[in-house]
Each structure stands twice: as structure tokens, then as C-alpha cells.
């Protein structure tokens, strides 16, 4: 996550995110809610594999496929940001550079959350 990034880049990302949240309160929550249907659609092929695999733990299944899962999530974000404002695109470009590793760290939690709702 952005809060765990170190160095000058991490400081810049944290500062930018803090400024964005101050300027547009609730932007993260609204953005997540807006993207959730697209994220679920993107991850559906992996969930279909999970259902046919006979495995019981979607979080563990997804963790084993973390590169594919993170690519699916980031593809959605990349497509959505293409229509964003130039300011947001600039900030996203800075975040995107290391986003794959950040998203892969979140895969177990995302898998548990998704597994709870998709069964």
C-alpha cells in the first residue's frame, strides 16, 4: 500500500494521497464502490477456475495466482484511468509504477472478501 512505500517516492505518494483526500473527501470509497463491479467481473475467470478446482479456500487459491489476479485488478484500474482528469492520471502514473507488488500483497484479503460474497 501507499502507506508502506519508503523513500522519497513514498513520501510524495503519501503527500499526494493526503492532498487528494482533503480536496475530495470520500474519493477512495466512492472510487472503490464504482470499480467493484468491474473488479468482480475481471476476477470471475479465476473464480470459475476455483469453483471447478474443488479447492475450498478462495483466498489461498487466489494467492497462488497472485500475478494473474493483480493483473486483472490493475487492468480495470488502467482502463478507468484513461478517462480521468490529467491531474489524476499524473498521480496514478506515479502510483502505478509499483502497484503490482502492492496489489499482490492485498490478494489474500481480497480473496477472503470476494470468497465471502461469491461463495
N, C-alpha and C. Protein backbone atom coordinates (compact mmCIF):
# COMPACT_ATOMS: atom_id res chain seq x y z
N UNK A 1 0.84 -1.19 0.00
CA UNK A 1 0.00 0.00 0.00
C UNK A 1 0.87 1.24 0.00
N UNK A 2 0.27 2.35 -0.27
CA UNK A 2 0.99 3.61 -0.33
C UNK A 2 1.64 3.92 1.01
N UNK A 3 0.96 3.61 2.11
CA UNK A 3 1.49 3.93 3.44
C UNK A 3 2.76 3.16 3.77
N UNK A 4 3.02 2.06 3.08
CA UNK A 4 4.20 1.26 3.36
C UNK A 4 5.35 1.55 2.41
N UNK A 5 5.13 2.40 1.43
CA UNK A 5 6.21 2.73 0.49
C UNK A 5 7.23 3.61 1.18
N UNK A 6 8.49 3.31 0.92
CA UNK A 6 9.57 4.07 1.54
C UNK A 6 10.18 5.08 0.59
N UNK A 7 11.15 5.78 1.08
CA UNK A 7 11.92 6.71 0.27
C UNK A 7 11.15 7.95 -0.13
N UNK A 8 11.79 8.73 -0.98
CA UNK A 8 11.19 9.97 -1.44
C UNK A 8 9.92 9.73 -2.24
N UNK A 9 9.91 8.67 -3.03
CA UNK A 9 8.71 8.37 -3.81
C UNK A 9 7.54 8.07 -2.88
N UNK A 10 7.79 7.31 -1.82
CA UNK A 10 6.74 7.01 -0.86
C UNK A 10 6.22 8.26 -0.18
N UNK A 11 7.12 9.17 0.18
CA UNK A 11 6.71 10.42 0.80
C UNK A 11 5.83 11.22 -0.17
N UNK A 12 6.27 11.29 -1.42
CA UNK A 12 5.49 12.01 -2.42
C UNK A 12 4.12 11.40 -2.65
N UNK A 13 4.05 10.09 -2.70
CA UNK A 13 2.76 9.42 -2.90
C UNK A 13 1.84 9.63 -1.70
N UNK A 14 2.38 9.53 -0.50
CA UNK A 14 1.56 9.74 0.70
C UNK A 14 1.05 11.18 0.75
N UNK A 15 1.92 12.12 0.42
CA UNK A 15 1.52 13.53 0.42
C UNK A 15 0.43 13.78 -0.61
N UNK A 16 0.63 13.25 -1.81
CA UNK A 16 -0.37 13.43 -2.86
C UNK A 16 -1.71 12.82 -2.49
N UNK A 17 -1.68 11.63 -1.90
CA UNK A 17 -2.92 10.97 -1.49
C UNK A 17 -3.62 11.76 -0.39
N UNK A 18 -2.85 12.28 0.56
CA UNK A 18 -3.43 13.09 1.63
C UNK A 18 -4.08 14.34 1.06
N UNK A 19 -3.42 14.97 0.09
CA UNK A 19 -3.99 16.17 -0.54
C UNK A 19 -5.26 15.83 -1.32
N UNK A 20 -5.25 14.71 -2.03
CA UNK A 20 -6.42 14.29 -2.78
C UNK A 20 -7.59 14.02 -1.85
N UNK A 21 -7.33 13.32 -0.75
CA UNK A 21 -8.40 13.02 0.21
C UNK A 21 -8.95 14.30 0.84
N UNK A 22 -8.06 15.28 1.10
CA UNK A 22 -8.51 16.55 1.69
C UNK A 22 -9.35 17.34 0.68
N UNK A 23 -8.95 17.32 -0.57
CA UNK A 23 -9.67 18.07 -1.60
C UNK A 23 -10.99 17.41 -1.96
N UNK A 24 -11.03 16.09 -1.91
CA UNK A 24 -12.23 15.35 -2.30
C UNK A 24 -12.49 14.25 -1.28
N UNK A 25 -13.04 14.62 -0.12
CA UNK A 25 -13.31 13.61 0.91
C UNK A 25 -14.18 12.47 0.37
N UNK A 26 -13.82 11.26 0.75
CA UNK A 26 -14.58 10.08 0.34
C UNK A 26 -14.24 9.58 -1.05
N UNK A 27 -13.24 10.17 -1.70
CA UNK A 27 -12.93 9.79 -3.08
C UNK A 27 -12.49 8.33 -3.18
N UNK A 28 -11.76 7.85 -2.20
CA UNK A 28 -11.29 6.46 -2.24
C UNK A 28 -12.48 5.51 -2.14
N UNK A 29 -13.37 5.78 -1.21
CA UNK A 29 -14.53 4.92 -1.02
C UNK A 29 -15.44 4.94 -2.25
N UNK A 30 -15.68 6.15 -2.81
CA UNK A 30 -16.53 6.24 -4.00
C UNK A 30 -15.89 5.54 -5.19
N UNK A 31 -14.59 5.72 -5.33
CA UNK A 31 -13.89 5.07 -6.43
C UNK A 31 -13.92 3.56 -6.32
N UNK A 32 -13.74 3.07 -5.11
CA UNK A 32 -13.78 1.62 -4.88
C UNK A 32 -15.17 1.08 -5.19
N UNK A 33 -16.20 1.76 -4.71
CA UNK A 33 -17.57 1.31 -4.96
C UNK A 33 -17.87 1.33 -6.46
N UNK A 34 -17.37 2.32 -7.16
CA UNK A 34 -17.61 2.43 -8.60
C UNK A 34 -16.88 1.34 -9.38
N UNK A 35 -15.70 0.96 -8.89
CA UNK A 35 -14.90 -0.04 -9.60
C UNK A 35 -15.22 -1.48 -9.21
N UNK A 36 -15.87 -1.67 -8.09
CA UNK A 36 -16.11 -3.02 -7.58
C UNK A 36 -16.77 -3.95 -8.60
N UNK A 37 -17.84 -3.53 -9.29
CA UNK A 37 -18.42 -4.46 -10.28
C UNK A 37 -17.42 -4.86 -11.37
N UNK A 38 -16.60 -3.92 -11.81
CA UNK A 38 -15.60 -4.23 -12.84
C UNK A 38 -14.52 -5.15 -12.29
N UNK A 39 -14.13 -4.93 -11.03
CA UNK A 39 -13.13 -5.81 -10.41
C UNK A 39 -13.66 -7.23 -10.31
N UNK A 40 -14.92 -7.36 -9.90
CA UNK A 40 -15.50 -8.70 -9.78
C UNK A 40 -15.62 -9.39 -11.14
N UNK A 41 -15.97 -8.62 -12.15
CA UNK A 41 -16.05 -9.20 -13.49
C UNK A 41 -14.67 -9.64 -13.97
N UNK A 42 -13.65 -8.85 -13.66
CA UNK A 42 -12.28 -9.17 -14.09
C UNK A 42 -11.76 -10.43 -13.41
N UNK A 43 -12.16 -10.64 -12.18
CA UNK A 43 -11.65 -11.78 -11.41
C UNK A 43 -12.52 -13.03 -11.60
N UNK A 44 -13.66 -12.89 -12.27
CA UNK A 44 -14.57 -14.02 -12.47
C UNK A 44 -13.91 -15.23 -13.13
N UNK A 45 -13.05 -15.06 -14.15
CA UNK A 45 -12.41 -16.26 -14.72
C UNK A 45 -11.60 -17.05 -13.68
N UNK A 46 -10.94 -16.35 -12.78
CA UNK A 46 -10.20 -17.06 -11.72
C UNK A 46 -11.17 -17.72 -10.74
N UNK A 47 -12.28 -17.05 -10.46
CA UNK A 47 -13.26 -17.64 -9.56
C UNK A 47 -13.89 -18.89 -10.19
N UNK A 48 -14.11 -18.86 -11.49
CA UNK A 48 -14.64 -20.04 -12.19
C UNK A 48 -13.65 -21.21 -12.09
N UNK A 49 -12.37 -20.91 -12.25
CA UNK A 49 -11.34 -21.96 -12.09
C UNK A 49 -11.37 -22.51 -10.67
N UNK A 50 -11.54 -21.63 -9.70
CA UNK A 50 -11.61 -22.05 -8.29
C UNK A 50 -12.79 -23.00 -8.08
N UNK A 51 -13.96 -22.63 -8.58
CA UNK A 51 -15.15 -23.47 -8.39
C UNK A 51 -14.96 -24.84 -9.00
N UNK A 52 -14.31 -24.92 -10.14
CA UNK A 52 -14.13 -26.22 -10.79
C UNK A 52 -12.93 -26.99 -10.24
N UNK A 53 -12.10 -26.33 -9.43
CA UNK A 53 -10.90 -26.98 -8.91
C UNK A 53 -11.18 -27.91 -7.73
N UNK A 54 -12.27 -27.67 -7.04
CA UNK A 54 -12.55 -28.46 -5.84
C UNK A 54 -11.87 -27.92 -4.60
N UNK A 55 -11.06 -26.89 -4.74
CA UNK A 55 -10.42 -26.29 -3.57
C UNK A 55 -11.46 -25.58 -2.73
N UNK A 56 -11.15 -25.39 -1.45
CA UNK A 56 -12.12 -24.83 -0.51
C UNK A 56 -11.85 -23.38 -0.13
N UNK A 57 -10.63 -22.91 -0.30
CA UNK A 57 -10.24 -21.57 0.19
C UNK A 57 -9.89 -20.67 -0.99
N UNK A 58 -10.82 -19.76 -1.33
CA UNK A 58 -10.59 -18.89 -2.47
C UNK A 58 -9.39 -17.97 -2.25
N UNK A 59 -9.18 -17.51 -1.01
CA UNK A 59 -8.04 -16.64 -0.73
C UNK A 59 -6.73 -17.35 -1.03
N UNK A 60 -6.61 -18.61 -0.62
CA UNK A 60 -5.39 -19.38 -0.89
C UNK A 60 -5.25 -19.64 -2.39
N UNK A 61 -6.35 -19.96 -3.04
CA UNK A 61 -6.35 -20.20 -4.48
C UNK A 61 -5.87 -18.95 -5.22
N UNK A 62 -6.41 -17.80 -4.82
CA UNK A 62 -6.03 -16.55 -5.47
C UNK A 62 -4.58 -16.19 -5.17
N UNK A 63 -4.14 -16.45 -3.96
CA UNK A 63 -2.75 -16.16 -3.60
C UNK A 63 -1.78 -16.95 -4.49
N UNK A 64 -2.14 -18.18 -4.80
CA UNK A 64 -1.30 -18.99 -5.68
C UNK A 64 -1.26 -18.43 -7.10
N UNK A 65 -2.21 -17.60 -7.42
CA UNK A 65 -2.30 -16.99 -8.75
C UNK A 65 -2.22 -15.47 -8.65
N UNK A 66 -1.45 -14.99 -7.69
CA UNK A 66 -1.36 -13.56 -7.40
C UNK A 66 -0.97 -12.72 -8.62
N UNK A 67 -0.01 -13.13 -9.44
CA UNK A 67 0.30 -12.30 -10.61
C UNK A 67 -0.89 -12.12 -11.56
N UNK A 68 -1.63 -13.19 -11.82
CA UNK A 68 -2.80 -13.10 -12.70
C UNK A 68 -3.90 -12.26 -12.07
N UNK A 69 -4.11 -12.44 -10.76
CA UNK A 69 -5.15 -11.68 -10.07
C UNK A 69 -4.81 -10.20 -10.05
N UNK A 70 -3.57 -9.86 -9.72
CA UNK A 70 -3.20 -8.45 -9.67
C UNK A 70 -3.28 -7.83 -11.06
N UNK A 71 -2.91 -8.58 -12.09
CA UNK A 71 -3.01 -8.07 -13.46
C UNK A 71 -4.47 -7.77 -13.81
N UNK A 72 -5.38 -8.63 -13.39
CA UNK A 72 -6.81 -8.42 -13.67
C UNK A 72 -7.31 -7.16 -12.99
N UNK A 73 -6.96 -6.98 -11.72
CA UNK A 73 -7.39 -5.78 -10.99
C UNK A 73 -6.79 -4.52 -11.60
N UNK A 74 -5.50 -4.57 -11.90
CA UNK A 74 -4.83 -3.38 -12.44
C UNK A 74 -5.28 -3.05 -13.85
N UNK A 75 -5.67 -4.05 -14.62
CA UNK A 75 -6.19 -3.78 -15.95
C UNK A 75 -7.46 -2.95 -15.87
N UNK A 76 -8.32 -3.26 -14.91
CA UNK A 76 -9.54 -2.48 -14.70
C UNK A 76 -9.17 -1.04 -14.35
N UNK A 77 -8.28 -0.88 -13.41
CA UNK A 77 -7.88 0.47 -13.00
C UNK A 77 -7.24 1.24 -14.16
N UNK A 78 -6.40 0.58 -14.92
CA UNK A 78 -5.75 1.23 -16.06
C UNK A 78 -6.77 1.71 -17.09
N UNK A 79 -7.76 0.88 -17.36
CA UNK A 79 -8.80 1.28 -18.33
C UNK A 79 -9.61 2.45 -17.82
N UNK A 80 -9.93 2.44 -16.53
CA UNK A 80 -10.74 3.52 -15.96
C UNK A 80 -9.98 4.84 -15.92
N UNK A 81 -8.71 4.76 -15.63
CA UNK A 81 -7.92 6.00 -15.50
C UNK A 81 -7.70 6.66 -16.86
N UNK A 82 -7.88 5.93 -17.93
CA UNK A 82 -7.71 6.51 -19.27
C UNK A 82 -8.68 7.67 -19.49
N UNK A 83 -9.83 7.65 -18.82
CA UNK A 83 -10.83 8.71 -18.97
C UNK A 83 -10.77 9.75 -17.85
N UNK A 84 -9.78 9.67 -16.99
CA UNK A 84 -9.68 10.56 -15.83
C UNK A 84 -9.07 11.91 -16.22
N UNK A 85 -9.10 12.81 -15.27
CA UNK A 85 -8.50 14.13 -15.47
C UNK A 85 -6.98 14.01 -15.58
N UNK A 86 -6.34 14.97 -16.21
CA UNK A 86 -4.87 14.93 -16.31
C UNK A 86 -4.18 14.88 -14.94
N UNK A 87 -4.74 15.57 -13.96
CA UNK A 87 -4.15 15.55 -12.61
C UNK A 87 -4.20 14.15 -12.02
N UNK A 88 -5.35 13.51 -12.14
CA UNK A 88 -5.49 12.15 -11.60
C UNK A 88 -4.59 11.18 -12.36
N UNK A 89 -4.54 11.33 -13.68
CA UNK A 89 -3.67 10.46 -14.48
C UNK A 89 -2.22 10.59 -14.04
N UNK A 90 -1.79 11.80 -13.75
CA UNK A 90 -0.42 12.03 -13.31
C UNK A 90 -0.15 11.33 -11.97
N UNK A 91 -1.08 11.48 -11.04
CA UNK A 91 -0.91 10.83 -9.74
C UNK A 91 -0.93 9.31 -9.90
N UNK A 92 -1.85 8.81 -10.68
CA UNK A 92 -1.97 7.37 -10.88
C UNK A 92 -0.69 6.81 -11.51
N UNK A 93 -0.12 7.52 -12.45
CA UNK A 93 1.11 7.07 -13.09
C UNK A 93 2.22 6.88 -12.06
N UNK A 94 2.27 7.75 -11.07
CA UNK A 94 3.29 7.62 -10.02
C UNK A 94 3.01 6.41 -9.14
N UNK A 95 1.76 6.17 -8.84
CA UNK A 95 1.37 5.03 -8.02
C UNK A 95 1.52 3.72 -8.78
N UNK A 96 1.20 3.75 -10.05
CA UNK A 96 1.15 2.54 -10.88
C UNK A 96 2.49 1.85 -11.00
N UNK A 97 3.57 2.63 -10.91
CA UNK A 97 4.91 2.10 -11.09
C UNK A 97 5.18 0.87 -10.21
N UNK A 98 4.75 0.87 -8.98
CA UNK A 98 4.99 -0.27 -8.10
C UNK A 98 3.71 -0.96 -7.66
N UNK A 99 2.63 -0.70 -8.38
CA UNK A 99 1.33 -1.17 -7.94
C UNK A 99 1.19 -2.68 -7.97
N UNK A 100 1.87 -3.37 -8.89
CA UNK A 100 1.71 -4.82 -8.96
C UNK A 100 2.10 -5.49 -7.65
N UNK A 101 3.22 -5.07 -7.10
CA UNK A 101 3.66 -5.65 -5.82
C UNK A 101 2.69 -5.29 -4.70
N UNK A 102 2.19 -4.05 -4.72
CA UNK A 102 1.24 -3.63 -3.69
C UNK A 102 -0.05 -4.43 -3.78
N UNK A 103 -0.57 -4.61 -4.98
CA UNK A 103 -1.82 -5.36 -5.16
C UNK A 103 -1.61 -6.82 -4.78
N UNK A 104 -0.48 -7.39 -5.15
CA UNK A 104 -0.23 -8.79 -4.80
C UNK A 104 -0.22 -9.00 -3.29
N UNK A 105 0.23 -8.00 -2.54
CA UNK A 105 0.20 -8.10 -1.07
C UNK A 105 -1.22 -8.10 -0.54
N UNK A 106 -2.14 -7.49 -1.28
CA UNK A 106 -3.53 -7.41 -0.84
C UNK A 106 -4.37 -8.60 -1.29
N UNK A 107 -3.82 -9.46 -2.12
CA UNK A 107 -4.59 -10.57 -2.70
C UNK A 107 -5.23 -11.47 -1.64
N UNK A 108 -4.54 -11.88 -0.57
CA UNK A 108 -5.23 -12.74 0.40
C UNK A 108 -6.48 -12.09 1.00
N UNK A 109 -6.38 -10.83 1.37
CA UNK A 109 -7.54 -10.13 1.91
C UNK A 109 -8.65 -9.97 0.89
N UNK A 110 -8.28 -9.63 -0.32
CA UNK A 110 -9.27 -9.51 -1.39
C UNK A 110 -9.92 -10.86 -1.66
N UNK A 111 -9.13 -11.93 -1.65
CA UNK A 111 -9.67 -13.27 -1.84
C UNK A 111 -10.66 -13.66 -0.77
N UNK A 112 -10.34 -13.32 0.48
CA UNK A 112 -11.28 -13.62 1.57
C UNK A 112 -12.58 -12.82 1.40
N UNK A 113 -12.47 -11.55 1.06
CA UNK A 113 -13.63 -10.70 0.88
C UNK A 113 -14.50 -11.19 -0.28
N UNK A 114 -13.88 -11.44 -1.40
CA UNK A 114 -14.61 -11.91 -2.59
C UNK A 114 -15.20 -13.29 -2.34
N UNK A 115 -14.43 -14.16 -1.72
CA UNK A 115 -14.91 -15.51 -1.43
C UNK A 115 -16.14 -15.50 -0.53
N UNK A 116 -16.20 -14.56 0.38
CA UNK A 116 -17.34 -14.44 1.27
C UNK A 116 -18.63 -14.14 0.50
N UNK A 117 -18.49 -13.32 -0.54
CA UNK A 117 -19.67 -12.89 -1.29
C UNK A 117 -20.00 -13.77 -2.48
N UNK A 118 -18.98 -14.37 -3.08
CA UNK A 118 -19.24 -15.19 -4.25
C UNK A 118 -19.38 -16.68 -3.91
N UNK A 119 -18.97 -17.03 -2.72
CA UNK A 119 -19.12 -18.43 -2.28
C UNK A 119 -18.22 -19.40 -2.94
